[in-house]
């Protein structure tokens, strides 16, 4: 072969190698982009639905809720992401527990806003699909310590919060209220209603009392354990110590059904329930979440909760109902 022809052939093969390397690099970059976008904005499951990640933000942040505001384009968010506000509002350490093979997924499926010259009202429907449960248990020593500062010596501690639990599927509404001053819109209240459109609330809380023994309050001495079915949680803008309002559907003794009497007790209890103290971070976060819904943002990232003791999965019957 003539030297000129040999050089031409070598140049030809060199171009092929360079072109092939460029193609490989292109597909590697595309694959990395798809992986990153899956972490930030959700992936596609086997049914073709969008599935948001359980922790879609950086390690310094909490999970991200992805909102489609559409039932047809239902974006699945793990129940642990939706309920992440519980650790944020908790004044004590909490456990983050889900059932084994939990299939509960939450979607924000609508967004309607009413506005006048002075105020606005936003209503967003959410739906929870899939089996399983998610529960946050509150540190008993922390809850007792927080309450003993507010009672007289030797007085019984009442209605201490043991856990908040979300069982199975559900349908609810997030309502955001606020004021308008000039061009500024300020969220002043956010309500989460778990019993919308005739659906029974899937959310329950465990409560208990503790009597002092030799001047000490211990969880082992608890009594009057009850389960209350929660209809609404209420967060309001305030300059004072933030508190969460709560309305309940019924009350029952632990391991017993509520029945009609439990329903009556719930209605009476709503007349006397005192709002529960929550952290400033948690209360502010819920109002910011409401502002994201007001602006119809496609996503909202929770700040990181520093008080989660443990995140784990357990068998269905391993936690109190």
C-alpha atoms as a PDB file:
ATOM      1  CA  UNK A   1       0.000   0.000   0.000  1.00  0.00           C
ATOM      2  CA  UNK A   2       1.254   3.437  -0.870  1.00  0.00           C
ATOM      3  CA  UNK A   3       2.348   5.516   2.201  1.00  0.00           C
ATOM      4  CA  UNK A   4      -0.167   8.238   1.357  1.00  0.00           C
ATOM      5  CA  UNK A   5      -2.957   5.662   1.235  1.00  0.00           C
ATOM      6  CA  UNK A   6      -1.803   4.218   4.580  1.00  0.00           C
ATOM      7  CA  UNK A   7      -1.916   7.663   6.211  1.00  0.00           C
ATOM      8  CA  UNK A   8      -5.388   8.229   4.813  1.00  0.00           C
ATOM      9  CA  UNK A   9      -6.580   4.928   6.256  1.00  0.00           C
ATOM     10  CA  UNK A  10      -5.080   5.747   9.671  1.00  0.00           C
ATOM     11  CA  UNK A  11      -6.778   9.156   9.668  1.00  0.00           C
ATOM     12  CA  UNK A  12     -10.047   7.450   8.735  1.00  0.00           C
ATOM     13  CA  UNK A  13      -9.837   4.985  11.651  1.00  0.00           C
ATOM     14  CA  UNK A  14      -8.796   7.780  14.037  1.00  0.00           C
ATOM     15  CA  UNK A  15     -11.932   9.735  13.117  1.00  0.00           C
ATOM     16  CA  UNK A  16     -14.059   6.626  13.683  1.00  0.00           C
ATOM     17  CA  UNK A  17     -12.542   6.126  17.150  1.00  0.00           C
ATOM     18  CA  UNK A  18     -13.062   9.781  18.103  1.00  0.00           C
ATOM     19  CA  UNK A  19     -16.641   9.732  16.825  1.00  0.00           C
ATOM     20  CA  UNK A  20     -17.414   6.527  18.753  1.00  0.00           C
ATOM     21  CA  UNK A  21     -15.957   7.993  21.949  1.00  0.00           C
ATOM     22  CA  UNK A  22     -18.103  11.099  21.527  1.00  0.00           C
ATOM     23  CA  UNK A  23     -21.242   8.965  21.097  1.00  0.00           C
ATOM     24  CA  UNK A  24     -20.432   6.948  24.241  1.00  0.00           C
ATOM     25  CA  UNK A  25     -19.843  10.112  26.282  1.00  0.00           C
ATOM     26  CA  UNK A  26     -23.138  11.568  25.034  1.00  0.00           C
ATOM     27  CA  UNK A  27     -25.158   8.573  26.204  1.00  0.00           C
ATOM     28  CA  UNK A  28     -23.336   8.453  29.559  1.00  0.00           C
ATOM     29  CA  UNK A  29     -24.208  12.104  30.169  1.00  0.00           C
ATOM     30  CA  UNK A  30     -27.832  11.536  29.155  1.00  0.00           C
ATOM     31  CA  UNK A  31     -28.105   8.575  31.516  1.00  0.00           C
ATOM     32  CA  UNK A  32     -26.691  10.664  34.352  1.00  0.00           C
ATOM     33  CA  UNK A  33     -29.137  13.475  33.579  1.00  0.00           C
ATOM     34  CA  UNK A  34     -32.056  11.056  33.685  1.00  0.00           C
ATOM     35  CA  UNK A  35     -30.872   9.661  37.004  1.00  0.00           C
ATOM     36  CA  UNK A  36     -30.482  13.140  38.474  1.00  0.00           C
ATOM     37  CA  UNK A  37     -33.869  14.281  37.234  1.00  0.00           C
ATOM     38  CA  UNK A  38     -35.393  11.150  38.732  1.00  0.00           C
ATOM     39  CA  UNK A  39     -33.969  12.106  42.113  1.00  0.00           C
ATOM     40  CA  UNK A  40     -35.122  15.704  41.835  1.00  0.00           C
ATOM     41  CA  UNK A  41     -38.427  15.414  40.023  1.00  0.00           C
ATOM     42  CA  UNK A  42     -39.582  11.811  40.246  1.00  0.00           C
ATOM     43  CA  UNK A  43     -39.187   8.602  38.272  1.00  0.00           C
ATOM     44  CA  UNK A  44     -41.605   6.450  36.310  1.00  0.00           C
ATOM     45  CA  UNK A  45     -42.933   3.275  37.909  1.00  0.00           C
ATOM     46  CA  UNK A  46     -44.016   0.030  36.215  1.00  0.00           C
ATOM     47  CA  UNK A  47     -47.512   1.430  35.666  1.00  0.00           C
ATOM     48  CA  UNK A  48     -46.212   4.509  33.890  1.00  0.00           C
ATOM     49  CA  UNK A  49     -47.080   6.844  36.783  1.00  0.00           C
ATOM     50  CA  UNK A  50     -44.699   9.460  38.087  1.00  0.00           C
ATOM     51  CA  UNK A  51     -43.179   8.461  41.412  1.00  0.00           C
ATOM     52  CA  UNK A  52     -41.508  11.115  43.555  1.00  0.00           C
ATOM     53  CA  UNK A  53     -38.477  10.064  45.567  1.00  0.00           C
ATOM     54  CA  UNK A  54     -38.705   9.477  49.316  1.00  0.00           C
ATOM     55  CA  UNK A  55     -35.865  11.935  49.814  1.00  0.00           C
ATOM     56  CA  UNK A  56     -35.564  14.080  46.742  1.00  0.00           C
ATOM     57  CA  UNK A  57     -33.425  16.868  48.089  1.00  0.00           C
ATOM     58  CA  UNK A  58     -29.873  17.137  49.305  1.00  0.00           C
ATOM     59  CA  UNK A  59     -28.891  15.592  52.629  1.00  0.00           C
ATOM     60  CA  UNK A  60     -29.279  19.009  54.265  1.00  0.00           C
ATOM     61  CA  UNK A  61     -32.985  19.003  53.411  1.00  0.00           C
ATOM     62  CA  UNK A  62     -35.983  16.768  53.903  1.00  0.00           C
ATOM     63  CA  UNK A  63     -38.084  15.071  51.211  1.00  0.00           C
ATOM     64  CA  UNK A  64     -39.713  16.881  48.306  1.00  0.00           C
ATOM     65  CA  UNK A  65     -43.423  16.742  47.550  1.00  0.00           C
ATOM     66  CA  UNK A  66     -44.179  16.813  43.809  1.00  0.00           C
ATOM     67  CA  UNK A  67     -47.575  18.312  42.941  1.00  0.00           C
ATOM     68  CA  UNK A  68     -49.361  17.733  39.643  1.00  0.00           C
ATOM     69  CA  UNK A  69     -52.719  19.189  40.748  1.00  0.00           C
ATOM     70  CA  UNK A  70     -54.312  16.584  38.501  1.00  0.00           C
ATOM     71  CA  UNK A  71     -55.954  13.223  39.142  1.00  0.00           C
ATOM     72  CA  UNK A  72     -55.240  12.121  35.574  1.00  0.00           C
ATOM     73  CA  UNK A  73     -51.537  12.934  35.991  1.00  0.00           C
ATOM     74  CA  UNK A  74     -51.355  11.558  39.519  1.00  0.00           C
ATOM     75  CA  UNK A  75     -47.826  12.029  40.904  1.00  0.00           C
ATOM     76  CA  UNK A  76     -47.051   9.501  43.624  1.00  0.00           C
ATOM     77  CA  UNK A  77     -45.320  10.717  46.773  1.00  0.00           C
ATOM     78  CA  UNK A  78     -44.458   8.235  49.548  1.00  0.00           C
ATOM     79  CA  UNK A  79     -46.624   8.636  52.631  1.00  0.00           C
ATOM     80  CA  UNK A  80     -43.443   9.323  54.646  1.00  0.00           C
ATOM     81  CA  UNK A  81     -42.833  12.422  52.500  1.00  0.00           C
ATOM     82  CA  UNK A  82     -46.351  13.771  52.998  1.00  0.00           C
ATOM     83  CA  UNK A  83     -46.285  13.123  56.754  1.00  0.00           C
ATOM     84  CA  UNK A  84     -42.776  14.528  57.187  1.00  0.00           C
ATOM     85  CA  UNK A  85     -44.298  17.612  58.777  1.00  0.00           C
ATOM     86  CA  UNK A  86     -44.978  15.574  61.928  1.00  0.00           C
ATOM     87  CA  UNK A  87     -41.292  15.351  62.966  1.00  0.00           C
ATOM     88  CA  UNK A  88     -40.921  19.025  62.062  1.00  0.00           C
ATOM     89  CA  UNK A  89     -43.719  20.176  64.381  1.00  0.00           C
ATOM     90  CA  UNK A  90     -42.815  17.747  67.187  1.00  0.00           C
ATOM     91  CA  UNK A  91     -41.236  19.334  70.296  1.00  0.00           C
ATOM     92  CA  UNK A  92     -39.545  16.006  71.143  1.00  0.00           C
ATOM     93  CA  UNK A  93     -37.694  13.211  69.400  1.00  0.00           C
ATOM     94  CA  UNK A  94     -39.873  10.985  67.198  1.00  0.00           C
ATOM     95  CA  UNK A  95     -39.632   7.629  65.456  1.00  0.00           C
ATOM     96  CA  UNK A  96     -40.482   7.433  61.749  1.00  0.00           C
ATOM     97  CA  UNK A  97     -42.096   4.036  61.145  1.00  0.00           C
ATOM     98  CA  UNK A  98     -43.718   2.496  58.063  1.00  0.00           C
ATOM     99  CA  UNK A  99     -45.168  -0.960  57.537  1.00  0.00           C
ATOM    100  CA  UNK A 100     -43.169  -3.527  55.591  1.00  0.00           C
ATOM    101  CA  UNK A 101     -43.826  -3.260  51.830  1.00  0.00           C
ATOM    102  CA  UNK A 102     -45.737  -0.027  52.396  1.00  0.00           C
ATOM    103  CA  UNK A 103     -47.628   0.962  49.233  1.00  0.00           C
ATOM    104  CA  UNK A 104     -49.226   4.205  50.441  1.00  0.00           C
ATOM    105  CA  UNK A 105     -48.732   6.984  47.898  1.00  0.00           C
ATOM    106  CA  UNK A 106     -50.041  10.549  48.138  1.00  0.00           C
ATOM    107  CA  UNK A 107     -50.990  12.861  45.289  1.00  0.00           C
ATOM    108  CA  UNK A 108     -52.098  16.517  45.288  1.00  0.00           C
ATOM    109  CA  UNK A 109     -54.822  16.258  42.653  1.00  0.00           C
ATOM    110  CA  UNK A 110     -56.467  19.696  42.427  1.00  0.00           C
ATOM    111  CA  UNK A 111     -55.975  23.387  43.119  1.00  0.00           C
ATOM    112  CA  UNK A 112     -58.776  25.946  43.306  1.00  0.00           C
ATOM    113  CA  UNK A 113     -58.381  29.526  44.476  1.00  0.00           C
ATOM    114  CA  UNK A 114     -60.911  32.211  45.367  1.00  0.00           C
ATOM    115  CA  UNK A 115     -59.687  35.790  45.627  1.00  0.00           C
ATOM    116  CA  UNK A 116     -61.235  39.103  46.563  1.00  0.00           C
ATOM    117  CA  UNK A 117     -59.681  42.490  47.263  1.00  0.00           C
ATOM    118  CA  UNK A 118     -58.665  41.608  50.827  1.00  0.00           C
ATOM    119  CA  UNK A 119     -58.243  37.841  51.122  1.00  0.00           C
ATOM    120  CA  UNK A 120     -57.789  34.522  49.352  1.00  0.00           C
ATOM    121  CA  UNK A 121     -58.773  30.920  49.923  1.00  0.00           C
ATOM    122  CA  UNK A 122     -57.042  27.945  48.281  1.00  0.00           C
ATOM    123  CA  UNK A 123     -58.451  24.417  48.322  1.00  0.00           C
ATOM    124  CA  UNK A 124     -56.299  21.488  47.205  1.00  0.00           C
ATOM    125  CA  UNK A 125     -57.569  17.929  47.234  1.00  0.00           C
ATOM    126  CA  UNK A 126     -55.183  15.105  48.052  1.00  0.00           C
ATOM    127  CA  UNK A 127     -55.640  11.370  47.740  1.00  0.00           C
ATOM    128  CA  UNK A 128     -53.802   8.509  49.413  1.00  0.00           C
ATOM    129  CA  UNK A 129     -53.729   5.199  47.553  1.00  0.00           C
ATOM    130  CA  UNK A 130     -52.253   1.860  48.582  1.00  0.00           C
ATOM    131  CA  UNK A 131     -52.089  -0.394  51.621  1.00  0.00           C
ATOM    132  CA  UNK A 132     -49.990  -0.135  54.761  1.00  0.00           C
ATOM    133  CA  UNK A 133     -49.549   2.334  57.602  1.00  0.00           C
ATOM    134  CA  UNK A 134     -47.205   5.101  58.653  1.00  0.00           C
ATOM    135  CA  UNK A 135     -46.768   6.127  62.278  1.00  0.00           C
ATOM    136  CA  UNK A 136     -44.720   8.662  64.216  1.00  0.00           C
ATOM    137  CA  UNK A 137     -44.213   7.822  67.892  1.00  0.00           C
ATOM    138  CA  UNK A 138     -43.233  10.594  70.285  1.00  0.00           C
ATOM    139  CA  UNK A 139     -40.457  10.269  72.852  1.00  0.00           C
ATOM    140  CA  UNK A 140     -42.256   9.556  76.120  1.00  0.00           C
ATOM    141  CA  UNK A 141     -39.696  11.148  78.433  1.00  0.00           C
ATOM    142  CA  UNK A 142     -39.657  14.265  76.268  1.00  0.00           C
ATOM    143  CA  UNK A 143     -43.436  14.588  76.227  1.00  0.00           C
ATOM    144  CA  UNK A 144     -43.641  14.147  80.006  1.00  0.00           C
ATOM    145  CA  UNK A 145     -40.878  16.686  80.630  1.00  0.00           C
ATOM    146  CA  UNK A 146     -42.555  19.235  78.347  1.00  0.00           C
ATOM    147  CA  UNK A 147     -45.843  18.963  80.261  1.00  0.00           C
ATOM    148  CA  UNK A 148     -44.589  18.877  83.841  1.00  0.00           C
ATOM    149  CA  UNK A 149     -43.495  22.503  83.559  1.00  0.00           C
ATOM    150  CA  UNK A 150     -47.108  23.556  83.045  1.00  0.00           C
ATOM    151  CA  UNK A 151     -48.888  21.806  85.932  1.00  0.00           C
ATOM    152  CA  UNK A 152     -49.068  22.016  89.700  1.00  0.00           C
ATOM    153  CA  UNK A 153     -46.990  19.656  91.813  1.00  0.00           C
ATOM    154  CA  UNK A 154     -48.491  16.137  92.083  1.00  0.00           C
ATOM    155  CA  UNK A 155     -51.082  16.962  89.410  1.00  0.00           C
ATOM    156  CA  UNK A 156     -51.910  14.252  86.856  1.00  0.00           C
ATOM    157  CA  UNK A 157     -50.584  14.731  83.344  1.00  0.00           C
ATOM    158  CA  UNK A 158     -53.445  14.274  80.883  1.00  0.00           C
ATOM    159  CA  UNK A 159     -53.763  13.668  77.159  1.00  0.00           C
ATOM    160  CA  UNK A 160     -50.058  13.178  76.443  1.00  0.00           C
ATOM    161  CA  UNK A 161     -49.444  12.437  72.765  1.00  0.00           C
ATOM    162  CA  UNK A 162     -48.139   8.921  72.153  1.00  0.00           C
ATOM    163  CA  UNK A 163     -48.294   8.596  68.351  1.00  0.00           C
ATOM    164  CA  UNK A 164     -49.882   9.818  65.125  1.00  0.00           C
ATOM    165  CA  UNK A 165     -50.818   7.070  62.674  1.00  0.00           C
ATOM    166  CA  UNK A 166     -52.054   7.045  59.054  1.00  0.00           C
ATOM    167  CA  UNK A 167     -53.743   3.767  58.046  1.00  0.00           C
ATOM    168  CA  UNK A 168     -54.413   2.730  54.461  1.00  0.00           C
ATOM    169  CA  UNK A 169     -56.079   4.947  51.888  1.00  0.00           C
ATOM    170  CA  UNK A 170     -57.809   8.282  52.291  1.00  0.00           C
ATOM    171  CA  UNK A 171     -59.120  11.457  50.690  1.00  0.00           C
ATOM    172  CA  UNK A 172     -58.619  14.915  52.119  1.00  0.00           C
ATOM    173  CA  UNK A 173     -58.351  18.642  51.548  1.00  0.00           C
ATOM    174  CA  UNK A 174     -55.645  21.176  52.288  1.00  0.00           C
ATOM    175  CA  UNK A 175     -57.171  24.617  52.758  1.00  0.00           C
ATOM    176  CA  UNK A 176     -54.969  27.704  52.706  1.00  0.00           C
ATOM    177  CA  UNK A 177     -56.250  31.077  53.892  1.00  0.00           C
ATOM    178  CA  UNK A 178     -54.627  34.471  53.841  1.00  0.00           C
ATOM    179  CA  UNK A 179     -54.727  38.220  53.434  1.00  0.00           C
ATOM    180  CA  UNK A 180     -53.940  40.531  50.529  1.00  0.00           C
ATOM    181  CA  UNK A 181     -52.233  43.871  51.062  1.00  0.00           C
ATOM    182  CA  UNK A 182     -51.498  45.664  47.833  1.00  0.00           C
ATOM    183  CA  UNK A 183     -49.793  43.095  45.641  1.00  0.00           C
ATOM    184  CA  UNK A 184     -48.600  40.985  48.600  1.00  0.00           C
ATOM    185  CA  UNK A 185     -50.372  37.781  49.568  1.00  0.00           C
ATOM    186  CA  UNK A 186     -49.686  36.424  53.064  1.00  0.00           C
ATOM    187  CA  UNK A 187     -50.708  32.957  54.241  1.00  0.00           C
ATOM    188  CA  UNK A 188     -52.248  33.204  57.714  1.00  0.00           C
ATOM    189  CA  UNK A 189     -53.711  29.699  58.115  1.00  0.00           C
ATOM    190  CA  UNK A 190     -53.340  26.214  56.704  1.00  0.00           C
ATOM    191  CA  UNK A 191     -55.782  23.401  57.524  1.00  0.00           C
ATOM    192  CA  UNK A 192     -55.340  19.725  56.640  1.00  0.00           C
ATOM    193  CA  UNK A 193     -58.686  17.912  56.569  1.00  0.00           C
ATOM    194  CA  UNK A 194     -58.462  14.138  56.411  1.00  0.00           C
ATOM    195  CA  UNK A 195     -62.186  13.368  56.027  1.00  0.00           C
ATOM    196  CA  UNK A 196     -63.206  15.098  52.802  1.00  0.00           C
ATOM    197  CA  UNK A 197     -66.176  14.103  50.635  1.00  0.00           C
ATOM    198  CA  UNK A 198     -67.658  11.690  53.147  1.00  0.00           C
ATOM    199  CA  UNK A 199     -64.486   9.643  53.612  1.00  0.00           C
ATOM    200  CA  UNK A 200     -63.623   8.583  57.143  1.00  0.00           C
ATOM    201  CA  UNK A 201     -60.321   9.978  58.343  1.00  0.00           C
ATOM    202  CA  UNK A 202     -57.523   7.364  58.282  1.00  0.00           C
ATOM    203  CA  UNK A 203     -55.552   9.347  60.883  1.00  0.00           C
ATOM    204  CA  UNK A 204     -55.575   8.456  64.573  1.00  0.00           C
ATOM    205  CA  UNK A 205     -53.625   9.637  67.602  1.00  0.00           C
ATOM    206  CA  UNK A 206     -52.834   7.784  70.800  1.00  0.00           C
ATOM    207  CA  UNK A 207     -53.195   9.641  74.097  1.00  0.00           C
ATOM    208  CA  UNK A 208     -52.501   8.705  77.710  1.00  0.00           C
ATOM    209  CA  UNK A 209     -52.387  10.087  81.267  1.00  0.00           C
ATOM    210  CA  UNK A 210     -49.593   9.771  83.813  1.00  0.00           C
ATOM    211  CA  UNK A 211     -50.058  10.040  87.583  1.00  0.00           C
ATOM    212  CA  UNK A 212     -47.040  10.901  89.732  1.00  0.00           C
ATOM    213  CA  UNK A 213     -45.470   8.215  91.896  1.00  0.00           C
ATOM    214  CA  UNK A 214     -43.240   9.471  94.690  1.00  0.00           C
ATOM    215  CA  UNK A 215     -43.154  12.799  92.892  1.00  0.00           C
ATOM    216  CA  UNK A 216     -41.963  11.302  89.594  1.00  0.00           C
ATOM    217  CA  UNK A 217     -43.765  10.910  86.286  1.00  0.00           C
ATOM    218  CA  UNK A 218     -42.961   7.751  84.355  1.00  0.00           C
ATOM    219  CA  UNK A 219     -44.405   6.346  81.146  1.00  0.00           C
ATOM    220  CA  UNK A 220     -44.650   2.936  82.843  1.00  0.00           C
ATOM    221  CA  UNK A 221     -47.323   4.420  85.134  1.00  0.00           C
ATOM    222  CA  UNK A 222     -49.536   5.584  82.255  1.00  0.00           C
ATOM    223  CA  UNK A 223     -53.289   5.112  82.375  1.00  0.00           C
ATOM    224  CA  UNK A 224     -56.472   5.999  80.499  1.00  0.00           C
ATOM    225  CA  UNK A 225     -54.975   5.137  77.108  1.00  0.00           C
ATOM    226  CA  UNK A 226     -57.320   6.251  74.346  1.00  0.00           C
ATOM    227  CA  UNK A 227     -57.359   6.529  70.559  1.00  0.00           C
ATOM    228  CA  UNK A 228     -58.850   9.594  68.862  1.00  0.00           C
ATOM    229  CA  UNK A 229     -59.667   9.747  65.152  1.00  0.00           C
ATOM    230  CA  UNK A 230     -58.417  13.072  63.767  1.00  0.00           C
ATOM    231  CA  UNK A 231     -60.404  15.081  61.234  1.00  0.00           C
ATOM    232  CA  UNK A 232     -58.418  18.314  60.982  1.00  0.00           C
ATOM    233  CA  UNK A 233     -55.047  19.803  61.883  1.00  0.00           C
ATOM    234  CA  UNK A 234     -54.851  23.612  61.921  1.00  0.00           C
ATOM    235  CA  UNK A 235     -51.755  25.813  61.650  1.00  0.00           C
ATOM    236  CA  UNK A 236     -51.901  29.600  62.061  1.00  0.00           C
ATOM    237  CA  UNK A 237     -49.460  32.447  61.621  1.00  0.00           C
ATOM    238  CA  UNK A 238     -48.533  33.906  65.006  1.00  0.00           C
ATOM    239  CA  UNK A 239     -45.865  35.890  66.804  1.00  0.00           C
ATOM    240  CA  UNK A 240     -46.538  33.917  69.985  1.00  0.00           C
ATOM    241  CA  UNK A 241     -45.658  30.309  70.791  1.00  0.00           C
ATOM    242  CA  UNK A 242     -47.115  28.394  67.812  1.00  0.00           C
ATOM    243  CA  UNK A 243     -49.826  25.860  68.493  1.00  0.00           C
ATOM    244  CA  UNK A 244     -51.623  23.344  66.314  1.00  0.00           C
ATOM    245  CA  UNK A 245     -55.386  23.230  66.457  1.00  0.00           C
ATOM    246  CA  UNK A 246     -57.075  19.848  66.190  1.00  0.00           C
ATOM    247  CA  UNK A 247     -60.597  18.517  65.677  1.00  0.00           C
ATOM    248  CA  UNK A 248     -61.512  14.879  66.170  1.00  0.00           C
ATOM    249  CA  UNK A 249     -64.238  12.556  64.955  1.00  0.00           C
ATOM    250  CA  UNK A 250     -64.401  10.047  67.801  1.00  0.00           C
ATOM    251  CA  UNK A 251     -62.716   8.719  70.944  1.00  0.00           C
ATOM    252  CA  UNK A 252     -62.296   5.098  72.007  1.00  0.00           C
ATOM    253  CA  UNK A 253     -60.372   3.194  74.623  1.00  0.00           C
ATOM    254  CA  UNK A 254     -57.250   1.505  73.308  1.00  0.00           C
ATOM    255  CA  UNK A 255     -58.043  -1.757  71.460  1.00  0.00           C
ATOM    256  CA  UNK A 256     -61.770  -0.942  71.382  1.00  0.00           C
ATOM    257  CA  UNK A 257     -64.022   0.437  68.638  1.00  0.00           C
ATOM    258  CA  UNK A 258     -65.506   3.904  69.013  1.00  0.00           C
ATOM    259  CA  UNK A 259     -69.155   3.256  68.211  1.00  0.00           C
ATOM    260  CA  UNK A 260     -71.878   5.862  68.630  1.00  0.00           C
ATOM    261  CA  UNK A 261     -70.781   6.716  72.158  1.00  0.00           C
ATOM    262  CA  UNK A 262     -67.232   7.347  70.925  1.00  0.00           C
ATOM    263  CA  UNK A 263     -68.613   9.650  68.238  1.00  0.00           C
ATOM    264  CA  UNK A 264     -70.545  11.634  70.878  1.00  0.00           C
ATOM    265  CA  UNK A 265     -67.427  11.847  73.061  1.00  0.00           C
ATOM    266  CA  UNK A 266     -65.510  13.201  70.098  1.00  0.00           C
ATOM    267  CA  UNK A 267     -68.022  15.958  69.452  1.00  0.00           C
ATOM    268  CA  UNK A 268     -67.981  16.972  73.104  1.00  0.00           C
ATOM    269  CA  UNK A 269     -64.192  16.819  73.271  1.00  0.00           C
ATOM    270  CA  UNK A 270     -63.912  19.293  70.381  1.00  0.00           C
ATOM    271  CA  UNK A 271     -65.431  21.921  72.675  1.00  0.00           C
ATOM    272  CA  UNK A 272     -62.581  21.566  75.160  1.00  0.00           C
ATOM    273  CA  UNK A 273     -59.495  20.458  73.231  1.00  0.00           C
ATOM    274  CA  UNK A 274     -56.594  22.827  73.733  1.00  0.00           C
ATOM    275  CA  UNK A 275     -54.255  23.481  70.787  1.00  0.00           C
ATOM    276  CA  UNK A 276     -50.982  21.557  71.043  1.00  0.00           C
ATOM    277  CA  UNK A 277     -47.629  23.321  71.180  1.00  0.00           C
ATOM    278  CA  UNK A 278     -45.514  22.830  68.063  1.00  0.00           C
ATOM    279  CA  UNK A 279     -42.103  24.050  67.015  1.00  0.00           C
ATOM    280  CA  UNK A 280     -41.676  27.385  65.286  1.00  0.00           C
ATOM    281  CA  UNK A 281     -39.864  25.625  62.421  1.00  0.00           C
ATOM    282  CA  UNK A 282     -42.732  23.202  61.909  1.00  0.00           C
ATOM    283  CA  UNK A 283     -45.432  25.862  62.014  1.00  0.00           C
ATOM    284  CA  UNK A 284     -43.523  28.125  59.629  1.00  0.00           C
ATOM    285  CA  UNK A 285     -42.906  25.202  57.271  1.00  0.00           C
ATOM    286  CA  UNK A 286     -46.607  24.400  57.040  1.00  0.00           C
ATOM    287  CA  UNK A 287     -47.427  28.028  56.210  1.00  0.00           C
ATOM    288  CA  UNK A 288     -44.680  27.980  53.569  1.00  0.00           C
ATOM    289  CA  UNK A 289     -46.150  24.775  52.156  1.00  0.00           C
ATOM    290  CA  UNK A 290     -49.464  26.610  51.967  1.00  0.00           C
ATOM    291  CA  UNK A 291     -47.775  29.460  50.095  1.00  0.00           C
ATOM    292  CA  UNK A 292     -46.356  26.933  47.590  1.00  0.00           C
ATOM    293  CA  UNK A 293     -49.904  25.670  46.988  1.00  0.00           C
ATOM    294  CA  UNK A 294     -51.136  29.248  46.631  1.00  0.00           C
ATOM    295  CA  UNK A 295     -48.553  29.845  43.914  1.00  0.00           C
ATOM    296  CA  UNK A 296     -49.308  26.432  42.424  1.00  0.00           C
ATOM    297  CA  UNK A 297     -45.653  25.457  42.522  1.00  0.00           C
ATOM    298  CA  UNK A 298     -44.789  22.023  41.091  1.00  0.00           C
ATOM    299  CA  UNK A 299     -42.771  20.986  44.158  1.00  0.00           C
ATOM    300  CA  UNK A 300     -42.083  21.776  47.809  1.00  0.00           C
ATOM    301  CA  UNK A 301     -39.031  20.645  49.776  1.00  0.00           C
ATOM    302  CA  UNK A 302     -39.291  20.257  53.530  1.00  0.00           C
ATOM    303  CA  UNK A 303     -36.395  21.376  55.721  1.00  0.00           C
ATOM    304  CA  UNK A 304     -34.535  18.568  57.437  1.00  0.00           C
ATOM    305  CA  UNK A 305     -35.973  17.344  60.735  1.00  0.00           C
ATOM    306  CA  UNK A 306     -33.166  16.939  63.251  1.00  0.00           C
ATOM    307  CA  UNK A 307     -35.257  15.105  65.837  1.00  0.00           C
ATOM    308  CA  UNK A 308     -35.929  11.773  64.081  1.00  0.00           C
ATOM    309  CA  UNK A 309     -34.553   9.037  66.344  1.00  0.00           C
ATOM    310  CA  UNK A 310     -35.065   6.161  63.951  1.00  0.00           C
ATOM    311  CA  UNK A 311     -36.588   5.415  60.568  1.00  0.00           C
ATOM    312  CA  UNK A 312     -37.651   1.822  60.094  1.00  0.00           C
ATOM    313  CA  UNK A 313     -40.199  -0.609  58.686  1.00  0.00           C
ATOM    314  CA  UNK A 314     -42.099  -3.111  60.809  1.00  0.00           C
ATOM    315  CA  UNK A 315     -44.760  -5.796  60.448  1.00  0.00           C
ATOM    316  CA  UNK A 316     -48.407  -4.731  60.280  1.00  0.00           C
ATOM    317  CA  UNK A 317     -49.322  -5.919  63.791  1.00  0.00           C
ATOM    318  CA  UNK A 318     -46.160  -4.742  65.531  1.00  0.00           C
ATOM    319  CA  UNK A 319     -47.471  -1.255  66.396  1.00  0.00           C
ATOM    320  CA  UNK A 320     -50.542  -0.158  68.300  1.00  0.00           C
ATOM    321  CA  UNK A 321     -53.573   0.687  66.219  1.00  0.00           C
END
